[in-house]
Each structure stands twice: as structure tokens, then as C-alpha cells.
Amino acid sequence: MSEEPQKTYGGMAVVEGVMMRSPNHYSVACRAPNGNIYVKTEHIEKTWIGRQKWLNKPFLRGTLALLDTMGLGMRAMKIASEVQLDPRFQPDEAEDEGESTEPEGKKESRFKRFYDRNQAAVDKAILALTLVLSLVIGFALFNAFPNFFGQYLLAFFHDIGLEKDANERGTLTNVVVEIVKLSMFLGYMLLIRRMPAIMDVFRFHGAEHQAINAMEDGEELTSENCLKKTRLHPRCGTNFAILVFMIGMLILIPIPRPLFLEGDPKQWMIVFERLAIEISLLPLIAGISYEVIRLAGKFKNERWVNILLWPGLKTQLITTAEPSANHAEVAITSLEATVLAEETGELTNSDDYTPQFLREEEPAAPKEHVDAGTGQADLAHEL
């Protein structure tokens, strides 16, 4: 009889918290303004794309997983953000002040009435729009700009005397473009890391990794055990992003520019052709990167994994930070709720959750409830 495959858990940091996911469920846990830990667990609903079995194949599922992760991540961010703004979770003083400033007799806006009647549809539309805008902005920043910069930079060098034969196939331009892409990504991460709010998100990111590492090592989920673990993990999205850059370099640099345009095309025409090529190859690049990440996750303690993923693991030193016990408690909460849902189907929804290791132990059963013959306590009163 074959053993049941081990279920994989992952996650991401959100505002003041952590989202953990399993194959069928996800949980969002965050520290509310009043200090309580809020947690909400839901089923993962597959989209129309996610239900297409032919897409869930090696080298195709990478793009599917990327879109799925982005969509789920935005839902988790929305939940965490709403907790921070919800009057129920504000400190008592702030809540009292808020009540005194609310104008009496104010009519609800037409939009609010529409939103209340169609909340689910509006939320899905907003999430879809946000996802599309994120993809467009990301592509413009990390693909379009580097391509325009590299194309016109090398054209300028040609004008001032660079031998055209030195860049006949555009290989040198491709190298410059890929270096600019990676530099912009790392620079962006280093820049936002300086913001206190983002640094706190990076601490939750580190706590997420430590909690998963503790569970995968078979240790009890306590703050002490988690904080002893490394804040790096091979299945991290940072690793995936760096692999996309690296594999993209290997695939894209040898492709000539221009590839299909004939004659002496204008620089902007070459750039647009190049962007079309990159978009068409993105599923392949993402697919290869995803398969490498999946394989590395299964052998995360092997030396070859650390060598292969060394650039991504080192980049995680930027996108994570050492957490405190408070950060670890939230990550543990999210992971506990997700494991519970995956194993029993029970969904956790709590405004004030206490992780298992912080709960007081149940009082011992009175002696009269102990069966002298078997030595086992009658725990019926505890159920």
C-alpha cells in the first residue's frame, strides 16, 4: 500500500500578519490594532482557469500557479487590511473617539447601497482589476523600461563609434537589458525595505518561513522553536522570481533582436517586437522555474539545492527580516488553522485566537474519574 503524499504548505506575509495555504484551504491571521490575533479560514475556490486539468501539467502549471497565487494573495491582503480598519478591532479609546465624530443622520451614499447589495460581485471585480493593473505595472516597470533603456543605450553607443559587428545579433543589448531588469528588481526591494511598514511585513515573511520550517522538521509549533529556524525557504516566491530572471537570461539573451523585422527597423519597433517575444515565452520561463522550485522543496536539506538556489536564498535576506515572538505567534496561528482545515475540514474564524502552545493546559481529571483497571482518564467532560 503506497503512502499518502505529504501535503505542501506555503504562504505569504500580509498587513500585520501571515496567510498560509494548503492544497484546499487558506488562512489569514493578523494582529489587530487592539492586540488580538484575528484569523479567518476559507476553502480555496478554483477559478475557471484552475479547473482546466490540461493546464495542471508540468511546465504549464507554473503560469497557472503564479496567477492563482497573485489572486489568492490579493484576497488575503484585502482581509488583513479590513481588519486594521474595522471599528470592532480598534483600541477602546480610538473606538470611543470614532463614535463621537460620526455625524448623525447621515444618508448612505448611492454607491454604498449598491455595494451592500452586490458586495461579492464588486469585490471580485475589484480584485480582478487590481490583478490586471499589477501585472501591467509590473510588466511596464521590469520588462518594458529595461528593453527601451537597453535598446536606445546601445543605439547611442553605435552612433558614437561602437563597432556594429560587436552587437550584430543584439546579444550585447540583451545582456544589458537582463542586467537592468535584475538590478531594478533588487534595487526596488532594497528601497522599500527602508520603509518601517514594509520592514514589518518582511518580519512576518520571515516568521512564515520559520513556522513552515519548524513544522516540516517535525517540531512543535512554539515561538521558541520557530525563532530558532532559518528564515529562508526554497519554495519562497523570492526564489521563484530570481529563477525567472536567471532562466529568462538563459533563454532570452541568445534570441537575436530584431528577430522577424527586416531591413532597418526603428528602435521602438525592435522593442515592441522584443516585448511580444518575451510575453510569448513567459509561460515557458515560469513553467521551468516552477518545476525547479517544486523539486527543490522536496529536497530542501540537500546540498545541491542550496547551491542551485543560492542567488534566490541570498535575496531572501532582503525580502525577509528576523521576526519577534509576536510575529511568530501570528504565523503559527495561520499555520495551525490551515492544518486543522486540511486535516478535518473545520474552518477557524476567530476575533481573538490563542495559539495552541500559549493555551493553558486542561485541568487534570479528578481521581474519581480515573478507571483503576485501565489507568485511563475519563475525558468525556472535556469534549
Protein backbone atom coordinates (compact mmCIF):
# COMPACT_ATOMS: atom_id res chain seq x y z
CA MET A 1 0.00 0.00 0.00
CA SER A 2 1.56 3.31 -1.08
CA GLU A 3 1.92 6.11 1.42
CA GLU A 4 -0.23 9.20 1.00
CA PRO A 5 1.87 12.04 -0.42
CA GLN A 6 2.80 14.68 2.09
CA LYS A 7 0.74 17.84 1.71
CA THR A 8 2.63 21.02 0.95
CA TYR A 9 2.06 24.22 2.88
CA GLY A 10 3.13 27.69 1.87
CA GLY A 11 2.19 31.26 2.46
CA MET A 12 2.94 34.95 2.26
CA ALA A 13 3.11 37.98 4.51
CA VAL A 14 0.18 40.40 4.60
CA VAL A 15 -0.56 43.60 6.51
CA GLU A 16 0.25 42.85 10.17
CA GLY A 17 0.04 39.13 9.52
CA VAL A 18 0.50 35.98 7.50
CA MET A 19 -1.54 33.99 5.01
CA MET A 20 -0.90 30.24 4.98
CA ARG A 21 -2.30 27.88 2.36
CA SER A 22 -2.62 24.15 1.79
CA PRO A 23 -3.93 22.36 -1.31
CA ASN A 24 -7.58 23.05 -0.38
CA HIS A 25 -7.68 25.79 2.27
CA TYR A 26 -6.06 29.05 3.28
CA SER A 27 -5.99 31.05 6.50
CA VAL A 28 -5.30 34.71 7.11
CA ALA A 29 -4.08 35.60 10.59
CA CYS A 30 -3.16 39.12 11.58
CA ARG A 31 -2.54 41.21 14.65
CA ALA A 32 -5.49 43.57 15.06
CA PRO A 33 -4.99 47.13 16.37
CA ASN A 34 -6.37 46.06 19.76
CA GLY A 35 -3.61 43.42 20.06
CA ASN A 36 -5.80 40.36 19.44
CA ILE A 37 -4.98 37.81 16.75
CA TYR A 38 -7.70 37.66 14.11
CA VAL A 39 -7.88 34.51 11.97
CA LYS A 40 -10.13 33.51 9.11
CA THR A 41 -10.00 30.21 7.21
CA GLU A 42 -11.70 29.57 3.89
CA HIS A 43 -11.84 26.96 1.15
CA ILE A 44 -9.75 27.70 -1.92
CA GLU A 45 -12.21 28.15 -4.74
CA LYS A 46 -10.75 27.21 -8.10
CA THR A 47 -11.26 29.69 -10.91
CA TRP A 48 -12.33 28.63 -14.40
CA ILE A 49 -8.66 28.54 -15.40
CA GLY A 50 -7.80 26.49 -12.33
CA ARG A 51 -10.39 23.87 -13.26
CA GLN A 52 -8.76 23.19 -16.63
CA LYS A 53 -6.95 19.91 -15.97
CA TRP A 54 -4.85 20.18 -19.12
CA LEU A 55 -3.19 23.29 -17.63
CA ASN A 56 -2.18 21.44 -14.47
CA LYS A 57 0.68 19.65 -16.21
CA PRO A 58 4.45 20.04 -15.83
CA PHE A 59 5.77 23.23 -17.47
CA LEU A 60 2.21 24.53 -17.90
CA ARG A 61 1.20 24.74 -14.24
CA GLY A 62 3.84 27.37 -13.45
CA THR A 63 1.87 30.22 -15.02
CA LEU A 64 -1.35 28.85 -13.53
CA ALA A 65 0.25 28.75 -10.07
CA LEU A 66 1.58 32.29 -10.48
CA LEU A 67 -1.83 33.74 -11.37
CA ASP A 68 -3.52 31.67 -8.66
CA THR A 69 -1.03 32.87 -6.04
CA MET A 70 -1.46 36.50 -7.04
CA GLY A 71 -5.24 36.28 -6.87
CA LEU A 72 -5.22 34.49 -3.52
CA GLY A 73 -2.64 36.90 -2.17
CA MET A 74 -4.79 39.89 -3.05
CA ARG A 75 -7.80 38.34 -1.31
CA ALA A 76 -5.64 37.76 1.77
CA MET A 77 -4.35 41.34 1.68
CA LYS A 78 -7.92 42.62 1.46
CA ILE A 79 -8.97 40.61 4.53
CA ALA A 80 -5.96 41.79 6.54
CA SER A 81 -6.46 45.43 5.52
CA GLU A 82 -10.13 45.34 6.50
CA VAL A 83 -9.19 44.09 9.98
CA GLN A 84 -6.92 47.09 10.50
CA LEU A 85 -9.77 49.47 9.62
CA ASP A 86 -12.67 47.64 11.27
CA PRO A 87 -14.03 49.62 14.27
CA ARG A 88 -14.55 46.34 16.15
CA PHE A 89 -10.80 45.79 16.39
CA GLN A 90 -9.76 49.31 17.38
CA PRO A 91 -8.50 50.05 20.89
CA ASP A 92 -11.29 51.21 23.19
CA GLU A 93 -10.08 54.82 23.22
CA ALA A 94 -9.94 55.08 19.44
CA GLU A 95 -13.34 53.43 19.11
CA ASP A 96 -14.90 55.94 21.51
CA GLU A 97 -13.35 58.85 19.64
CA GLY A 98 -14.60 57.46 16.35
CA GLU A 99 -18.15 57.25 17.64
CA SER A 100 -18.15 60.87 18.74
CA THR A 101 -17.03 62.18 15.33
CA GLU A 102 -19.57 60.23 13.25
CA PRO A 103 -22.22 62.69 12.01
CA GLU A 104 -25.76 61.75 12.97
CA GLY A 105 -28.47 61.29 10.40
CA LYS A 106 -26.00 61.00 7.51
CA LYS A 107 -27.56 59.34 4.48
CA GLU A 108 -25.85 56.38 2.90
CA SER A 109 -24.30 57.12 -0.47
CA ARG A 110 -25.74 55.53 -3.58
CA PHE A 111 -22.50 53.62 -4.10
CA LYS A 112 -22.59 52.20 -0.56
CA ARG A 113 -26.14 50.94 -1.04
CA PHE A 114 -25.12 49.36 -4.36
CA TYR A 115 -22.04 47.82 -2.74
CA ASP A 116 -24.05 46.37 0.15
CA ARG A 117 -26.42 44.66 -2.30
CA ASN A 118 -23.66 43.35 -4.60
CA GLN A 119 -20.68 43.00 -2.29
CA ALA A 120 -19.43 39.64 -3.57
CA ALA A 121 -19.56 40.66 -7.24
CA VAL A 122 -17.98 44.07 -6.57
CA ASP A 123 -15.16 42.51 -4.53
CA LYS A 124 -14.38 40.03 -7.31
CA ALA A 125 -14.36 42.82 -9.89
CA ILE A 126 -12.03 44.96 -7.77
CA LEU A 127 -9.67 42.03 -7.18
CA ALA A 128 -9.62 41.20 -10.90
CA LEU A 129 -8.92 44.83 -11.81
CA THR A 130 -6.19 45.06 -9.19
CA LEU A 131 -4.59 41.87 -10.50
CA VAL A 132 -4.62 43.15 -14.10
CA LEU A 133 -3.22 46.54 -13.07
CA SER A 134 -0.48 44.85 -11.01
CA LEU A 135 0.54 42.71 -13.98
CA VAL A 136 0.53 45.71 -16.34
CA ILE A 137 2.55 47.91 -13.97
CA GLY A 138 4.99 45.10 -13.21
CA PHE A 139 5.49 44.36 -16.90
CA ALA A 140 5.99 48.03 -17.71
CA LEU A 141 8.49 48.53 -14.89
CA PHE A 142 10.53 45.33 -15.12
CA ASN A 143 10.23 44.49 -18.84
CA ALA A 144 9.26 47.45 -21.00
CA PHE A 145 11.50 50.06 -19.38
CA PRO A 146 14.68 47.86 -19.36
CA ASN A 147 14.08 46.98 -23.02
CA PHE A 148 13.68 50.60 -24.10
CA PHE A 149 16.68 51.62 -21.98
CA GLY A 150 18.95 48.88 -23.37
CA GLN A 151 17.84 49.36 -26.97
CA TYR A 152 18.41 53.12 -27.03
CA LEU A 153 21.59 52.92 -24.93
CA LEU A 154 23.27 50.56 -27.41
CA ALA A 155 21.93 52.62 -30.33
CA PHE A 156 23.60 55.66 -28.79
CA PHE A 157 26.89 53.75 -28.45
CA HIS A 158 26.65 52.76 -32.11
CA ASP A 159 26.18 56.39 -33.05
CA ILE A 160 29.33 57.41 -31.20
CA GLY A 161 31.53 54.72 -32.69
CA LEU A 162 30.82 51.24 -31.30
CA GLU A 163 31.51 48.65 -33.97
CA LYS A 164 28.20 47.33 -35.25
CA ASP A 165 29.68 43.83 -35.66
CA ALA A 166 30.23 43.74 -31.87
CA ASN A 167 26.45 43.68 -31.43
CA GLU A 168 25.30 42.31 -34.76
CA ARG A 169 22.67 39.97 -33.32
CA GLY A 170 21.76 42.29 -30.45
CA THR A 171 23.35 39.95 -27.91
CA LEU A 172 25.09 42.79 -26.09
CA THR A 173 21.79 44.68 -25.93
CA ASN A 174 20.11 41.61 -24.50
CA VAL A 175 22.77 41.29 -21.80
CA VAL A 176 22.32 44.95 -20.82
CA VAL A 177 18.52 44.56 -20.72
CA GLU A 178 18.62 41.48 -18.47
CA ILE A 179 21.13 43.11 -16.10
CA VAL A 180 18.91 46.19 -15.86
CA LYS A 181 15.86 44.01 -15.10
CA LEU A 182 17.59 42.21 -12.24
CA SER A 183 19.17 45.41 -10.91
CA MET A 184 15.81 47.20 -10.86
CA PHE A 185 14.16 44.31 -9.01
CA LEU A 186 16.88 44.14 -6.33
CA GLY A 187 17.02 47.93 -6.08
CA TYR A 188 13.26 48.11 -5.65
CA MET A 189 13.36 45.55 -2.82
CA LEU A 190 16.24 47.34 -1.08
CA LEU A 191 14.42 50.67 -1.42
CA ILE A 192 11.06 49.57 0.02
CA ARG A 193 12.88 47.69 2.79
CA ARG A 194 13.78 51.07 4.27
CA MET A 195 10.10 51.80 4.95
CA PRO A 196 9.13 50.78 8.53
CA ALA A 197 5.75 49.33 7.45
CA ILE A 198 7.37 47.20 4.74
CA MET A 199 10.11 46.07 7.12
CA ASP A 200 7.39 44.77 9.44
CA VAL A 201 5.84 42.86 6.52
CA PHE A 202 9.28 41.37 5.86
CA ARG A 203 9.41 40.25 9.52
CA PHE A 204 6.11 38.45 9.07
CA HIS A 205 7.57 36.94 5.89
CA GLY A 206 10.48 35.60 7.94
CA ALA A 207 8.09 34.25 10.58
CA GLU A 208 6.07 32.48 7.88
CA HIS A 209 9.19 30.65 6.68
CA GLN A 210 10.30 29.77 10.21
CA ALA A 211 6.90 28.32 11.12
CA ILE A 212 6.84 26.14 8.00
CA ASN A 213 10.44 25.04 8.57
CA ALA A 214 9.60 24.04 12.16
CA MET A 215 6.57 22.02 11.04
CA GLU A 216 8.47 20.32 8.21
CA ASP A 217 11.21 19.40 10.68
CA GLY A 218 8.61 17.72 12.89
CA GLU A 219 8.93 20.16 15.80
CA GLU A 220 6.18 21.57 17.98
CA LEU A 221 4.86 24.92 16.78
CA THR A 222 6.06 27.27 19.51
CA SER A 223 7.60 30.71 19.19
CA GLU A 224 10.84 29.41 20.66
CA ASN A 225 11.14 26.55 18.16
CA CYS A 226 10.20 28.73 15.20
CA LEU A 227 12.62 31.53 16.01
CA LYS A 228 15.49 29.03 16.08
CA LYS A 229 14.82 28.11 12.45
CA THR A 230 16.23 29.78 9.37
CA ARG A 231 14.06 32.44 7.80
CA LEU A 232 14.97 31.12 4.33
CA HIS A 233 12.99 28.51 2.39
CA PRO A 234 13.48 27.10 -1.13
CA ARG A 235 9.77 27.35 -2.04
CA CYS A 236 9.68 31.08 -1.37
CA GLY A 237 8.24 33.41 -4.02
CA THR A 238 11.51 35.34 -3.92
CA ASN A 239 13.29 32.20 -5.13
CA PHE A 240 10.72 31.88 -7.90
CA ALA A 241 11.25 35.49 -9.00
CA ILE A 242 15.05 35.13 -9.09
CA LEU A 243 14.76 31.86 -11.01
CA VAL A 244 12.51 33.60 -13.55
CA PHE A 245 15.21 36.23 -14.04
CA MET A 246 18.00 33.65 -14.32
CA ILE A 247 16.18 31.26 -16.65
CA GLY A 248 14.96 34.26 -18.62
CA MET A 249 18.57 35.28 -19.17
CA LEU A 250 19.49 31.83 -20.47
CA ILE A 251 16.54 31.75 -22.89
CA LEU A 252 16.26 35.40 -23.97
CA ILE A 253 19.88 36.52 -24.37
CA PRO A 254 20.64 34.21 -27.36
CA ILE A 255 17.50 35.33 -29.26
CA PRO A 256 18.50 37.96 -31.87
CA ARG A 257 16.97 41.41 -31.92
CA PRO A 258 15.33 42.07 -34.24
CA LEU A 259 14.16 38.52 -34.94
CA PHE A 260 11.43 38.88 -37.58
CA LEU A 261 11.72 42.52 -38.64
CA GLU A 262 13.54 43.03 -41.90
CA GLY A 263 15.51 45.93 -43.33
CA ASP A 264 16.46 48.72 -40.98
CA PRO A 265 13.58 48.94 -38.46
CA LYS A 266 13.25 51.79 -35.98
CA GLN A 267 14.39 51.27 -32.42
CA TRP A 268 10.88 51.38 -30.96
CA MET A 269 9.73 48.72 -33.45
CA ILE A 270 12.52 46.41 -32.27
CA VAL A 271 11.49 46.97 -28.65
CA PHE A 272 7.83 46.16 -29.29
CA GLU A 273 8.79 43.03 -31.19
CA ARG A 274 11.02 42.04 -28.29
CA LEU A 275 8.25 42.60 -25.74
CA ALA A 276 5.90 40.40 -27.77
CA ILE A 277 8.54 37.66 -27.80
CA GLU A 278 9.06 37.94 -24.03
CA ILE A 279 5.32 37.72 -23.35
CA SER A 280 5.02 34.61 -25.53
CA LEU A 281 7.95 32.94 -23.74
CA LEU A 282 6.88 33.92 -20.23
CA PRO A 283 4.74 30.77 -19.68
CA LEU A 284 7.73 28.60 -20.61
CA ILE A 285 10.09 30.52 -18.32
CA ALA A 286 7.58 30.48 -15.45
CA GLY A 287 6.88 26.79 -16.05
CA ILE A 288 10.55 25.79 -15.84
CA SER A 289 11.07 27.97 -12.74
CA TYR A 290 8.06 26.45 -11.02
CA GLU A 291 9.22 22.88 -11.64
CA VAL A 292 12.66 23.71 -10.22
CA ILE A 293 11.04 25.22 -7.11
CA ARG A 294 8.80 22.15 -6.63
CA LEU A 295 11.77 19.81 -6.92
CA ALA A 296 13.90 21.90 -4.58
CA GLY A 297 11.11 21.97 -1.99
CA LYS A 298 11.14 18.16 -1.82
CA PHE A 299 14.91 18.07 -1.22
CA LYS A 300 15.36 21.32 0.70
CA ASN A 301 18.03 19.90 3.01
CA GLU A 302 20.20 18.61 0.16
CA ARG A 303 23.41 20.46 -0.58
CA TRP A 304 22.70 20.73 -4.31
CA VAL A 305 19.50 22.66 -3.55
CA ASN A 306 21.43 25.30 -1.62
CA ILE A 307 23.91 25.59 -4.47
CA LEU A 308 21.28 25.76 -7.21
CA LEU A 309 19.09 28.26 -5.36
CA TRP A 310 21.92 30.25 -3.78
CA PRO A 311 21.01 33.54 -5.54
CA GLY A 312 17.36 33.27 -4.51
CA LEU A 313 18.19 32.23 -0.94
CA LYS A 314 20.54 35.20 -0.58
CA THR A 315 17.87 37.52 -1.98
CA GLN A 316 15.54 36.29 0.77
CA LEU A 317 17.87 38.06 3.20
CA ILE A 318 16.42 41.23 1.65
CA THR A 319 12.75 40.20 1.47
CA THR A 320 12.66 38.72 4.98
CA ALA A 321 13.78 40.04 8.37
CA GLU A 322 14.28 38.45 11.76
CA PRO A 323 10.86 38.32 13.47
CA SER A 324 9.93 38.66 17.11
CA ALA A 325 7.81 36.30 19.21
CA ASN A 326 4.76 38.41 18.33
CA HIS A 327 5.34 37.83 14.62
CA ALA A 328 5.90 34.10 15.22
CA GLU A 329 2.63 33.77 17.15
CA VAL A 330 0.66 35.15 14.21
CA ALA A 331 2.43 32.85 11.72
CA ILE A 332 1.81 29.85 13.98
CA THR A 333 -1.86 30.78 14.25
CA SER A 334 -2.26 30.91 10.48
CA LEU A 335 -0.47 27.58 10.02
CA GLU A 336 -2.43 25.85 12.81
CA ALA A 337 -5.74 26.96 11.31
CA THR A 338 -4.73 25.82 7.84
CA VAL A 339 -3.53 22.40 9.01
CA LEU A 340 -6.75 21.94 11.00
CA ALA A 341 -8.87 22.76 7.97
CA GLU A 342 -6.87 20.48 5.69
CA GLU A 343 -6.96 17.53 8.08
CA THR A 344 -10.51 17.83 9.47
CA GLY A 345 -12.37 20.29 7.25
CA GLU A 346 -13.01 22.58 10.25
CA LEU A 347 -12.79 26.29 9.35
CA THR A 348 -11.41 28.60 12.03
CA ASN A 349 -12.90 32.07 12.34
CA SER A 350 -11.92 33.98 15.45
CA ASP A 351 -11.53 37.60 16.54
CA ASP A 352 -9.23 36.62 19.41
CA TYR A 353 -7.29 33.43 18.68
CA THR A 354 -4.67 31.99 21.02
CA PRO A 355 -2.08 29.62 19.51
CA GLN A 356 -2.08 26.11 20.94
CA PHE A 357 1.25 26.47 22.74
CA LEU A 358 0.01 29.53 24.66
CA ARG A 359 -3.24 27.96 25.86
CA GLU A 360 -3.47 26.88 29.46
CA GLU A 361 -3.40 23.13 29.89
CA GLU A 362 -6.70 21.46 30.62
CA PRO A 363 -7.07 20.63 34.34
CA ALA A 364 -6.25 17.06 35.23
CA ALA A 365 -9.22 14.71 35.59
CA PRO A 366 -10.36 14.21 39.21
CA LYS A 367 -9.29 10.93 40.74
CA GLU A 368 -12.85 9.62 40.87
CA HIS A 369 -12.94 9.82 37.06
CA VAL A 370 -9.95 7.51 36.66
CA ASP A 371 -10.63 3.90 35.77
CA ALA A 372 -8.37 1.96 38.10
CA GLY A 373 -8.49 -1.06 35.82
CA THR A 374 -7.16 0.67 32.73
CA GLY A 375 -5.46 3.70 34.21
CA GLN A 376 -7.10 5.91 31.61
CA ALA A 377 -8.83 9.20 32.47
CA ASP A 378 -12.45 9.67 31.50
CA LEU A 379 -12.18 12.70 29.24
CA ALA A 380 -15.83 12.90 28.31
CA HIS A 381 -16.27 16.07 30.35
CA GLU A 382 -13.58 17.77 28.27
CA LEU A 383 -15.19 17.10 24.90
